[in-house]
Amino acid sequence: MTAIHEAGHAVLCFLLQVRFSYVSIIADEDWLGVVIHPKGVYGKNFDPEIDLSPATKDKIERHAKVCFAGQIAERIFFGKLPKADQKRSSDDDHRAIDLASDVVGGGKVLQAYIDYLYASAEGSFRNPMHRYAIRVLADELLAQKKLGSKKAREIITKAFNNFIEKHQNHDETFLKKWKWLEFE
């Protein structure tokens, strides 16, 4: 489950062009797994209270969406969020809320904005190719435990290429397994 969760974060990082240093399923006292972003990921002197330019807002939105990606991946692959993972997702939620509140403040507007960010992240995984990449990356995480950004991105790219090849070759068994997903 942790591998799917962290792979979800990493695949959405890839799709949204959010830099990360590595992805790991090696547990420690704080995490069951983690996607680590480089220091200064938001840029030098990042302060959304001073600079809320469109570029800054876009960066905040992309990072908030990535925060939701792990729990969305778990829901896609396992049907619901297991109780054991609710704390981890709660931590991700708090991070996303902190980021979103930098953009819109609080109250009803914040809740609507969070709902929009979550739905947008969820929409990224409707594409079967993206879900396939999550599964492939999760399998590799189970084998390797930790992957640097370059290796993870290579695996995701290879998964995309493999999916496209199977689609072009009309591999019906494969395509049925990875059909388009509709959310309730």
C-alpha atoms as a PDB file:
ATOM      1  CA  MET A   1       0.000   0.000   0.000  1.00  0.00           C
ATOM      2  CA  THR A   2       2.816   2.418   0.839  1.00  0.00           C
ATOM      3  CA  ALA A   3       4.397   1.780  -2.556  1.00  0.00           C
ATOM      4  CA  ILE A   4       1.159   2.732  -4.351  1.00  0.00           C
ATOM      5  CA  HIS A   5       0.801   5.829  -2.156  1.00  0.00           C
ATOM      6  CA  GLU A   6       4.326   7.087  -2.795  1.00  0.00           C
ATOM      7  CA  ALA A   7       4.195   6.126  -6.478  1.00  0.00           C
ATOM      8  CA  GLY A   8       1.037   8.231  -6.767  1.00  0.00           C
ATOM      9  CA  HIS A   9       2.917  11.244  -5.406  1.00  0.00           C
ATOM     10  CA  ALA A  10       5.888  10.627  -7.720  1.00  0.00           C
ATOM     11  CA  VAL A  11       3.807  10.096 -10.877  1.00  0.00           C
ATOM     12  CA  LEU A  12       1.878  13.312 -10.263  1.00  0.00           C
ATOM     13  CA  CYS A  13       5.191  15.110  -9.653  1.00  0.00           C
ATOM     14  CA  PHE A  14       6.265  13.829 -13.066  1.00  0.00           C
ATOM     15  CA  LEU A  15       3.021  14.906 -14.749  1.00  0.00           C
ATOM     16  CA  LEU A  16       3.000  18.363 -13.154  1.00  0.00           C
ATOM     17  CA  GLN A  17       6.750  18.905 -13.495  1.00  0.00           C
ATOM     18  CA  VAL A  18       7.339  19.172  -9.754  1.00  0.00           C
ATOM     19  CA  ARG A  19      10.933  18.411  -8.870  1.00  0.00           C
ATOM     20  CA  PHE A  20      11.730  15.693  -6.352  1.00  0.00           C
ATOM     21  CA  SER A  21      15.010  14.193  -5.161  1.00  0.00           C
ATOM     22  CA  TYR A  22      13.866  10.657  -4.456  1.00  0.00           C
ATOM     23  CA  VAL A  23      10.931   8.436  -3.583  1.00  0.00           C
ATOM     24  CA  SER A  24      11.219   5.831  -0.836  1.00  0.00           C
ATOM     25  CA  ILE A  25       9.166   3.220   0.998  1.00  0.00           C
ATOM     26  CA  ILE A  26      11.754   2.852   3.750  1.00  0.00           C
ATOM     27  CA  ALA A  27       9.831   3.574   6.951  1.00  0.00           C
ATOM     28  CA  ASP A  28      11.193   5.718   9.758  1.00  0.00           C
ATOM     29  CA  GLU A  29       9.653   7.173  12.915  1.00  0.00           C
ATOM     30  CA  ASP A  30       7.770   9.829  10.925  1.00  0.00           C
ATOM     31  CA  TRP A  31       6.792   8.159   7.638  1.00  0.00           C
ATOM     32  CA  LEU A  32       5.995   4.823   6.062  1.00  0.00           C
ATOM     33  CA  GLY A  33       7.380   6.260   2.833  1.00  0.00           C
ATOM     34  CA  VAL A  34       8.226   9.618   1.384  1.00  0.00           C
ATOM     35  CA  VAL A  35       8.818  11.700  -1.711  1.00  0.00           C
ATOM     36  CA  ILE A  36      11.548  14.189  -0.875  1.00  0.00           C
ATOM     37  CA  HIS A  37      11.705  17.489  -2.708  1.00  0.00           C
ATOM     38  CA  PRO A  38      14.996  19.391  -3.084  1.00  0.00           C
ATOM     39  CA  LYS A  39      15.695  22.259  -0.727  1.00  0.00           C
ATOM     40  CA  GLY A  40      14.460  25.496  -2.150  1.00  0.00           C
ATOM     41  CA  VAL A  41      11.874  23.698  -4.268  1.00  0.00           C
ATOM     42  CA  TYR A  42       9.698  26.811  -4.232  1.00  0.00           C
ATOM     43  CA  GLY A  43      12.609  29.035  -5.185  1.00  0.00           C
ATOM     44  CA  LYS A  44      14.790  31.461  -3.324  1.00  0.00           C
ATOM     45  CA  ASN A  45      13.051  33.862  -0.935  1.00  0.00           C
ATOM     46  CA  PHE A  46       9.666  32.148  -1.370  1.00  0.00           C
ATOM     47  CA  ASP A  47       7.027  34.162   0.488  1.00  0.00           C
ATOM     48  CA  PRO A  48       3.481  33.983  -0.903  1.00  0.00           C
ATOM     49  CA  GLU A  49       2.409  36.835   1.392  1.00  0.00           C
ATOM     50  CA  ILE A  50       4.734  39.128  -0.564  1.00  0.00           C
ATOM     51  CA  ASP A  51       4.683  37.499  -3.999  1.00  0.00           C
ATOM     52  CA  LEU A  52       1.494  35.816  -5.115  1.00  0.00           C
ATOM     53  CA  SER A  53       2.235  36.155  -8.799  1.00  0.00           C
ATOM     54  CA  PRO A  54       0.568  33.760 -11.250  1.00  0.00           C
ATOM     55  CA  ALA A  55       3.804  31.727 -11.333  1.00  0.00           C
ATOM     56  CA  THR A  56       3.864  31.441  -7.536  1.00  0.00           C
ATOM     57  CA  LYS A  57       0.180  30.495  -7.430  1.00  0.00           C
ATOM     58  CA  ASP A  58       0.753  27.840 -10.107  1.00  0.00           C
ATOM     59  CA  LYS A  59       3.671  26.364  -8.166  1.00  0.00           C
ATOM     60  CA  ILE A  60       1.624  26.249  -4.950  1.00  0.00           C
ATOM     61  CA  GLU A  61      -1.290  24.585  -6.763  1.00  0.00           C
ATOM     62  CA  ARG A  62       0.935  21.928  -8.327  1.00  0.00           C
ATOM     63  CA  HIS A  63       2.482  21.074  -4.951  1.00  0.00           C
ATOM     64  CA  ALA A  64      -0.916  20.949  -3.216  1.00  0.00           C
ATOM     65  CA  LYS A  65      -2.208  18.549  -5.875  1.00  0.00           C
ATOM     66  CA  VAL A  66       0.836  16.328  -5.350  1.00  0.00           C
ATOM     67  CA  CYS A  67      -0.029  16.189  -1.627  1.00  0.00           C
ATOM     68  CA  PHE A  68      -3.373  14.571  -2.503  1.00  0.00           C
ATOM     69  CA  ALA A  69      -1.964  12.103  -5.057  1.00  0.00           C
ATOM     70  CA  GLY A  70      -0.980   9.361  -2.598  1.00  0.00           C
ATOM     71  CA  GLN A  71      -4.423   8.909  -1.083  1.00  0.00           C
ATOM     72  CA  ILE A  72      -6.054   9.153  -4.523  1.00  0.00           C
ATOM     73  CA  ALA A  73      -3.777   6.373  -5.814  1.00  0.00           C
ATOM     74  CA  GLU A  74      -4.670   4.209  -2.809  1.00  0.00           C
ATOM     75  CA  ARG A  75      -8.376   4.749  -3.398  1.00  0.00           C
ATOM     76  CA  ILE A  76      -8.010   3.840  -7.072  1.00  0.00           C
ATOM     77  CA  PHE A  77      -6.072   0.636  -6.417  1.00  0.00           C
ATOM     78  CA  PHE A  78      -7.650  -0.490  -3.137  1.00  0.00           C
ATOM     79  CA  GLY A  79     -11.133   1.027  -3.242  1.00  0.00           C
ATOM     80  CA  LYS A  80     -10.865   3.089  -0.082  1.00  0.00           C
ATOM     81  CA  LEU A  81      -8.295   4.579   2.202  1.00  0.00           C
ATOM     82  CA  PRO A  82      -7.266   2.014   4.845  1.00  0.00           C
ATOM     83  CA  LYS A  83      -7.416   3.134   8.485  1.00  0.00           C
ATOM     84  CA  ALA A  84      -3.669   2.575   8.868  1.00  0.00           C
ATOM     85  CA  ASP A  85      -3.034   5.146   6.140  1.00  0.00           C
ATOM     86  CA  GLN A  86      -5.462   7.804   7.358  1.00  0.00           C
ATOM     87  CA  LYS A  87      -2.840   9.532   9.525  1.00  0.00           C
ATOM     88  CA  ARG A  88      -0.385   9.678   6.638  1.00  0.00           C
ATOM     89  CA  SER A  89      -3.043  11.105   4.351  1.00  0.00           C
ATOM     90  CA  SER A  90      -4.031  13.522   7.090  1.00  0.00           C
ATOM     91  CA  ASP A  91      -0.432  14.801   7.120  1.00  0.00           C
ATOM     92  CA  ASP A  92      -0.589  15.187   3.333  1.00  0.00           C
ATOM     93  CA  ASP A  93      -3.953  16.962   3.666  1.00  0.00           C
ATOM     94  CA  HIS A  94      -2.565  19.403   6.233  1.00  0.00           C
ATOM     95  CA  ARG A  95       0.317  20.250   3.924  1.00  0.00           C
ATOM     96  CA  ALA A  96      -2.073  20.828   0.996  1.00  0.00           C
ATOM     97  CA  ILE A  97      -4.334  22.993   3.174  1.00  0.00           C
ATOM     98  CA  ASP A  98      -1.354  25.054   4.362  1.00  0.00           C
ATOM     99  CA  LEU A  99      -0.306  25.616   0.759  1.00  0.00           C
ATOM    100  CA  ALA A 100      -3.841  26.460  -0.406  1.00  0.00           C
ATOM    101  CA  SER A 101      -4.398  28.889   2.463  1.00  0.00           C
ATOM    102  CA  ASP A 102      -1.344  30.817   1.221  1.00  0.00           C
ATOM    103  CA  VAL A 103      -3.351  31.513  -1.928  1.00  0.00           C
ATOM    104  CA  VAL A 104      -6.921  32.114  -0.734  1.00  0.00           C
ATOM    105  CA  GLY A 105      -6.858  32.500   3.045  1.00  0.00           C
ATOM    106  CA  GLY A 106      -9.527  30.564   4.930  1.00  0.00           C
ATOM    107  CA  GLY A 107     -13.225  29.867   5.274  1.00  0.00           C
ATOM    108  CA  LYS A 108     -15.587  28.742   2.538  1.00  0.00           C
ATOM    109  CA  VAL A 109     -13.254  29.910  -0.208  1.00  0.00           C
ATOM    110  CA  LEU A 110     -10.460  27.706   1.180  1.00  0.00           C
ATOM    111  CA  GLN A 111     -12.756  24.664   1.292  1.00  0.00           C
ATOM    112  CA  ALA A 112     -13.896  25.252  -2.285  1.00  0.00           C
ATOM    113  CA  TYR A 113     -10.287  25.698  -3.398  1.00  0.00           C
ATOM    114  CA  ILE A 114      -9.212  22.487  -1.630  1.00  0.00           C
ATOM    115  CA  ASP A 115     -12.086  20.639  -3.306  1.00  0.00           C
ATOM    116  CA  TYR A 116     -10.976  21.993  -6.684  1.00  0.00           C
ATOM    117  CA  LEU A 117      -7.323  21.005  -6.095  1.00  0.00           C
ATOM    118  CA  TYR A 118      -8.315  17.498  -4.970  1.00  0.00           C
ATOM    119  CA  ALA A 119     -10.634  17.000  -7.965  1.00  0.00           C
ATOM    120  CA  SER A 120      -7.927  18.240 -10.303  1.00  0.00           C
ATOM    121  CA  ALA A 121      -5.374  15.810  -8.840  1.00  0.00           C
ATOM    122  CA  GLU A 122      -7.924  13.011  -9.030  1.00  0.00           C
ATOM    123  CA  GLY A 123      -8.592  13.855 -12.674  1.00  0.00           C
ATOM    124  CA  SER A 124      -4.931  13.342 -13.495  1.00  0.00           C
ATOM    125  CA  PHE A 125      -5.333   9.643 -12.710  1.00  0.00           C
ATOM    126  CA  ARG A 126      -8.412   9.046 -14.866  1.00  0.00           C
ATOM    127  CA  ASN A 127      -6.039   8.320 -17.731  1.00  0.00           C
ATOM    128  CA  PRO A 128      -5.258   4.578 -17.683  1.00  0.00           C
ATOM    129  CA  MET A 129      -1.675   5.229 -18.757  1.00  0.00           C
ATOM    130  CA  HIS A 130      -1.087   7.249 -15.596  1.00  0.00           C
ATOM    131  CA  ARG A 131      -2.533   4.494 -13.392  1.00  0.00           C
ATOM    132  CA  TYR A 132      -0.382   1.945 -15.169  1.00  0.00           C
ATOM    133  CA  ALA A 133       2.698   4.082 -14.441  1.00  0.00           C
ATOM    134  CA  ILE A 134       1.743   4.168 -10.740  1.00  0.00           C
ATOM    135  CA  ARG A 135       1.576   0.354 -10.670  1.00  0.00           C
ATOM    136  CA  VAL A 136       4.894  -0.057 -12.500  1.00  0.00           C
ATOM    137  CA  LEU A 137       6.657   2.462 -10.244  1.00  0.00           C
ATOM    138  CA  ALA A 138       5.137   0.871  -7.120  1.00  0.00           C
ATOM    139  CA  ASP A 139       6.387  -2.553  -8.192  1.00  0.00           C
ATOM    140  CA  GLU A 140       9.874  -1.138  -8.671  1.00  0.00           C
ATOM    141  CA  LEU A 141       9.687   0.567  -5.266  1.00  0.00           C
ATOM    142  CA  LEU A 142       8.803  -2.776  -3.680  1.00  0.00           C
ATOM    143  CA  ALA A 143      11.915  -4.267  -5.261  1.00  0.00           C
ATOM    144  CA  GLN A 144      14.351  -1.365  -4.737  1.00  0.00           C
ATOM    145  CA  LYS A 145      12.833   0.429  -1.686  1.00  0.00           C
ATOM    146  CA  LYS A 146      14.263   3.813  -2.754  1.00  0.00           C
ATOM    147  CA  LEU A 147      14.602   5.418  -6.178  1.00  0.00           C
ATOM    148  CA  GLY A 148      16.342   8.620  -7.128  1.00  0.00           C
ATOM    149  CA  SER A 149      14.396  11.111  -9.196  1.00  0.00           C
ATOM    150  CA  LYS A 150      16.223  10.273 -12.412  1.00  0.00           C
ATOM    151  CA  LYS A 151      15.556   6.529 -12.066  1.00  0.00           C
ATOM    152  CA  ALA A 152      11.910   7.077 -11.063  1.00  0.00           C
ATOM    153  CA  ARG A 153      11.353   9.364 -14.052  1.00  0.00           C
ATOM    154  CA  GLU A 154      12.948   6.771 -16.359  1.00  0.00           C
ATOM    155  CA  ILE A 155      10.595   4.096 -15.004  1.00  0.00           C
ATOM    156  CA  ILE A 156       7.557   6.343 -15.475  1.00  0.00           C
ATOM    157  CA  THR A 157       8.615   7.237 -19.035  1.00  0.00           C
ATOM    158  CA  LYS A 158       9.213   3.574 -19.856  1.00  0.00           C
ATOM    159  CA  ALA A 159       5.772   2.689 -18.438  1.00  0.00           C
ATOM    160  CA  PHE A 160       4.162   5.361 -20.616  1.00  0.00           C
ATOM    161  CA  ASN A 161       5.979   4.059 -23.695  1.00  0.00           C
ATOM    162  CA  ASN A 162       5.003   0.462 -22.882  1.00  0.00           C
ATOM    163  CA  PHE A 163       1.379   1.486 -22.433  1.00  0.00           C
ATOM    164  CA  ILE A 164       1.349   3.359 -25.749  1.00  0.00           C
ATOM    165  CA  GLU A 165       2.927   0.384 -27.544  1.00  0.00           C
ATOM    166  CA  LYS A 166       0.335  -2.035 -26.149  1.00  0.00           C
ATOM    167  CA  HIS A 167      -2.441   0.416 -27.066  1.00  0.00           C
ATOM    168  CA  GLN A 168      -1.145   0.767 -30.614  1.00  0.00           C
ATOM    169  CA  ASN A 169      -0.891  -3.027 -30.917  1.00  0.00           C
ATOM    170  CA  HIS A 170      -4.510  -3.362 -29.702  1.00  0.00           C
ATOM    171  CA  ASP A 171      -3.579  -5.685 -26.825  1.00  0.00           C
ATOM    172  CA  GLU A 172      -7.181  -6.152 -25.651  1.00  0.00           C
ATOM    173  CA  THR A 173      -6.382  -8.074 -22.439  1.00  0.00           C
ATOM    174  CA  PHE A 174      -3.982  -5.363 -21.328  1.00  0.00           C
ATOM    175  CA  LEU A 175      -6.326  -2.536 -22.333  1.00  0.00           C
ATOM    176  CA  LYS A 176      -9.321  -4.020 -20.472  1.00  0.00           C
ATOM    177  CA  LYS A 177      -7.259  -4.152 -17.297  1.00  0.00           C
ATOM    178  CA  TRP A 178      -6.275  -0.485 -17.642  1.00  0.00           C
ATOM    179  CA  LYS A 179      -9.557   0.970 -18.964  1.00  0.00           C
ATOM    180  CA  TRP A 180     -10.568   4.576 -18.383  1.00  0.00           C
ATOM    181  CA  LEU A 181     -11.644   5.154 -14.829  1.00  0.00           C
ATOM    182  CA  GLU A 182     -14.776   7.017 -13.814  1.00  0.00           C
ATOM    183  CA  PHE A 183     -14.993   8.319 -10.283  1.00  0.00           C
ATOM    184  CA  GLU A 184     -18.205   8.302  -8.280  1.00  0.00           C
END
